[in-house]
Protein backbone atom coordinates (compact mmCIF):
# COMPACT_ATOMS: atom_id res chain seq x y z
CA UNK A 1 -11.47 7.11 -3.27
CA UNK A 2 -13.28 3.88 -3.82
CA UNK A 3 -12.10 3.19 -7.36
CA UNK A 4 -8.62 4.72 -7.30
CA UNK A 5 -7.64 3.64 -3.78
CA UNK A 6 -9.11 0.18 -4.24
CA UNK A 7 -7.26 -0.22 -7.52
CA UNK A 8 -3.94 0.74 -5.96
CA UNK A 9 -4.36 -1.77 -3.14
CA UNK A 10 -5.63 -4.56 -5.40
CA UNK A 11 -2.76 -4.17 -7.85
CA UNK A 12 -0.34 -4.06 -4.94
CA UNK A 13 -1.77 -7.37 -3.70
CA UNK A 14 -0.96 -8.93 -7.08
CA UNK A 15 2.59 -7.59 -6.90
CA UNK A 16 3.02 -9.01 -3.39
CA UNK A 17 1.87 -12.45 -4.55
CA UNK A 18 4.30 -12.30 -7.48
CA UNK A 19 7.11 -11.25 -5.14
CA UNK A 20 6.83 -14.39 -2.99
CA UNK A 21 8.91 -16.62 -5.30
CA UNK A 22 11.43 -13.81 -5.75
CA UNK A 23 11.92 -13.55 -2.00
CA UNK A 24 12.34 -17.32 -1.71
CA UNK A 25 14.75 -17.81 -4.61
CA UNK A 26 16.64 -14.54 -5.05
CA UNK A 27 16.10 -12.77 -1.72
CA UNK A 28 19.00 -11.21 0.16
CA UNK A 29 18.14 -13.15 3.31
CA UNK A 30 17.42 -16.88 3.32
CA UNK A 31 13.66 -17.20 3.75
CA UNK A 32 11.96 -20.56 4.00
CA UNK A 33 8.93 -21.12 1.76
CA UNK A 34 7.06 -22.19 4.90
CA UNK A 35 7.43 -18.62 6.16
CA UNK A 36 7.41 -16.59 2.94
CA UNK A 37 4.22 -18.05 1.48
CA UNK A 38 1.89 -17.58 4.48
CA UNK A 39 3.27 -14.13 5.29
CA UNK A 40 3.05 -12.99 1.66
CA UNK A 41 -0.46 -14.37 1.25
CA UNK A 42 -1.56 -12.74 4.53
CA UNK A 43 -0.18 -9.40 3.35
CA UNK A 44 -1.96 -9.78 0.01
CA UNK A 45 -5.23 -10.68 1.73
CA UNK A 46 -4.85 -7.63 3.97
CA UNK A 47 -4.42 -5.47 0.88
CA UNK A 48 -7.49 -7.00 -0.77
CA UNK A 49 -9.62 -6.52 2.36
CA UNK A 50 -8.48 -2.90 2.63
CA UNK A 51 -9.26 -2.43 -1.07
CA UNK A 52 -12.77 -3.74 -0.50
CA UNK A 53 -13.46 -1.45 2.46
CA UNK A 54 -11.48 1.58 1.28
CA UNK A 55 -14.38 3.95 1.93
CA UNK A 56 -14.51 3.12 5.64
CA UNK A 57 -12.79 5.53 8.05
CA UNK A 58 -10.32 2.88 9.30
CA UNK A 59 -9.18 1.91 5.79
CA UNK A 60 -6.78 4.80 5.20
CA UNK A 61 -4.64 4.19 8.32
CA UNK A 62 -4.72 0.45 7.63
CA UNK A 63 -3.67 1.21 4.06
CA UNK A 64 -0.69 3.19 5.35
CA UNK A 65 0.34 0.33 7.63
CA UNK A 66 0.12 -2.07 4.70
CA UNK A 67 2.17 0.32 2.57
CA UNK A 68 4.87 0.36 5.24
CA UNK A 69 4.87 -3.44 5.42
CA UNK A 70 5.25 -3.73 1.66
CA UNK A 71 8.14 -1.25 1.66
CA UNK A 72 9.77 -3.21 4.51
CA UNK A 73 9.75 -6.34 2.35
CA UNK A 74 12.58 -4.55 0.55
CA UNK A 75 14.90 -5.99 3.20
CA UNK A 76 14.11 -9.41 1.73
CA UNK A 77 14.06 -8.42 -1.95
CA UNK A 78 15.65 -4.98 -2.55
CA UNK A 79 13.49 -4.27 -5.59
CA UNK A 80 10.51 -4.10 -3.24
CA UNK A 81 11.90 -0.86 -1.80
CA UNK A 82 11.30 0.72 -5.21
CA UNK A 83 8.03 -1.06 -5.96
CA UNK A 84 6.69 -0.45 -2.45
CA UNK A 85 7.72 3.19 -2.65
CA UNK A 86 5.91 3.61 -5.95
CA UNK A 87 2.74 2.08 -4.51
CA UNK A 88 3.03 4.27 -1.40
CA UNK A 89 3.20 7.33 -3.65
CA UNK A 90 0.19 6.08 -5.61
CA UNK A 91 -1.68 5.55 -2.32
CA UNK A 92 -0.85 9.12 -1.28
CA UNK A 93 -2.02 10.39 -4.66
CA UNK A 94 -5.28 8.45 -4.36
CA UNK A 95 -5.96 9.94 -0.93
CA UNK A 96 -5.13 13.48 -2.08
CA UNK A 97 -7.25 13.24 -5.21
CA UNK A 98 -10.16 11.80 -3.25
CA UNK A 99 -10.02 14.60 -0.71
CA UNK A 100 -9.90 17.19 -3.52
CA UNK A 101 -12.93 15.65 -5.21
CA UNK A 102 -14.85 15.42 -1.94
CA UNK A 103 -13.95 19.05 -1.16
CA UNK A 104 -15.30 20.23 -4.50
CA UNK A 105 -18.46 18.18 -4.16
CA UNK A 106 -19.46 20.02 -0.97
């Protein structure tokens, strides 16, 4: 879980950072840079922290909350519905594969 789950969350943090200018310039709702930048950076930092501590018991529920928040950014930039959905599926795959590997190791 550590490598795969951490990779999913870290790459998602990069995508969130790159989505900030898109939300500001092309977003469906007018979003001020004074709001979009701190919220986007906070979301990215949350993803990075979760990626760092992905082996802790609280990290999987926190990861799901972060996945939901990223998908919800689709209301600001519709492409994020697709991108967030893809990352949510990758997160699910990482959790499933990790549980399979842990089950076989026992």
